[in-house]
Protein backbone atom coordinates (compact mmCIF):
# COMPACT_ATOMS: atom_id res chain seq x y z
CA MET A 1 0.00 0.00 0.00
CA VAL A 2 1.34 3.42 -0.96
CA GLU A 3 1.54 5.88 1.89
CA LYS A 4 0.09 9.27 1.09
CA ILE A 5 2.44 11.87 2.60
CA ALA A 6 2.47 15.64 2.09
CA TYR A 7 3.76 18.66 3.96
CA CYS A 8 1.19 20.38 6.18
CA GLU A 9 1.91 24.05 6.81
CA ASN A 10 -0.37 24.05 9.85
CA CYS A 11 1.35 21.08 11.51
CA ASN A 12 4.78 22.10 10.13
CA ALA A 13 5.49 18.47 9.30
CA ASP A 14 5.17 15.78 6.68
CA VAL A 15 1.85 14.08 7.39
CA GLU A 16 -0.52 11.49 5.98
CA TYR A 17 -3.53 12.89 4.16
CA ASN A 18 -7.05 11.89 3.20
CA VAL A 19 -8.55 12.54 -0.22
CA ARG A 20 -12.08 13.73 -0.96
CA THR A 21 -13.89 15.28 -3.92
CA GLU A 22 -15.71 18.59 -4.14
CA ILE A 23 -17.60 20.37 -6.91
CA ILE A 24 -15.88 23.66 -7.73
CA ASP A 25 -17.81 26.41 -9.51
CA CYS A 26 -15.71 28.71 -11.71
CA ASP A 27 -16.27 31.90 -13.67
CA MET A 28 -13.45 32.70 -16.09
CA ASP A 29 -14.02 35.73 -18.27
CA GLY A 30 -17.78 35.32 -17.97
CA ILE A 31 -17.71 31.60 -18.84
CA LYS A 32 -19.25 29.64 -15.98
CA PHE A 33 -18.46 25.97 -15.47
CA ALA A 34 -18.00 23.44 -12.68
CA TYR A 35 -15.71 20.47 -12.19
CA GLU A 36 -15.13 17.77 -9.60
CA ALA A 37 -11.89 18.57 -7.80
CA VAL A 38 -9.79 16.20 -5.71
CA ILE A 39 -8.87 17.71 -2.33
CA ALA A 40 -6.16 16.43 0.03
CA ASN A 41 -6.57 17.11 3.75
CA CYS A 42 -4.11 16.52 6.61
CA LYS A 43 -5.14 13.55 8.74
CA ASN A 44 -3.94 15.36 11.88
CA CYS A 45 -5.53 18.82 11.66
CA GLY A 46 -7.80 18.65 8.59
CA SER A 47 -6.08 21.52 6.74
CA GLU A 48 -5.82 21.30 2.99
CA VAL A 49 -2.38 20.13 1.83
CA TYR A 50 -0.72 20.55 -1.57
CA VAL A 51 0.02 17.40 -3.59
CA ASP A 52 1.59 17.80 -7.06
CA GLU A 53 -0.26 14.88 -8.63
CA ILE A 54 -3.62 16.02 -7.25
CA ASN A 55 -3.03 19.57 -8.46
CA ASP A 56 -2.26 18.21 -11.95
CA ILE A 57 -5.51 16.21 -11.94
CA ASN A 58 -7.50 19.29 -10.91
CA ILE A 59 -5.94 21.45 -13.64
CA ILE A 60 -6.80 18.85 -16.28
CA ARG A 61 -10.37 18.54 -14.98
CA ALA A 62 -10.85 22.32 -14.86
CA TYR A 63 -9.50 22.87 -18.38
CA SER A 64 -11.57 19.96 -19.75
CA SER A 65 -14.73 21.32 -18.17
CA GLN A 66 -14.02 24.82 -19.46
CA LYS A 67 -13.37 23.48 -22.97
CA ARG A 68 -16.65 21.51 -22.95
CA ARG A 69 -18.49 24.67 -21.90
CA LEU A 70 -16.81 26.70 -24.65
CA ASP A 71 -17.61 24.01 -27.22
CA ASP A 72 -21.25 23.92 -26.09
CA GLN A 73 -21.45 27.70 -26.30
CA ALA A 74 -19.93 27.74 -29.81
CA GLU A 75 -22.32 25.01 -30.98
CA LYS A 76 -25.30 26.92 -29.59
CA GLU A 77 -24.21 30.11 -31.37
CA GLU A 78 -23.70 28.21 -34.62
CA ASN A 79 -27.18 26.67 -34.36
CA GLU A 80 -28.69 30.10 -33.73
CA GLU A 81 -26.94 31.50 -36.81
CA GLN A 82 -28.18 28.60 -38.95
CA SER A 83 -31.76 29.09 -37.78
CA ILE A 84 -31.58 32.80 -38.68
CA PHE A 85 -30.46 31.94 -42.24
CA LYS A 86 -33.25 29.35 -42.59
CA GLU A 87 -35.85 31.97 -41.66
CA GLU A 88 -34.73 34.29 -44.48
């Protein structure tokens, strides 16, 4: 079994951590989207701890969710344009 160890600033030590998920709502330049983030918390004090691999996962999830939202928005705009041309 792999031990999950990270540095906790609150405890000022390397500690074991638990992992949980949380839905994060974002608004970037007026584009709203949400993604499921992975959060690491110190087993001793409960503070959030930084883990490189978890941060990488969250960045990928956030960018993927933002891209899906942008693609959906572009498709909606394209459909609206096509319906305007059909009416003429």
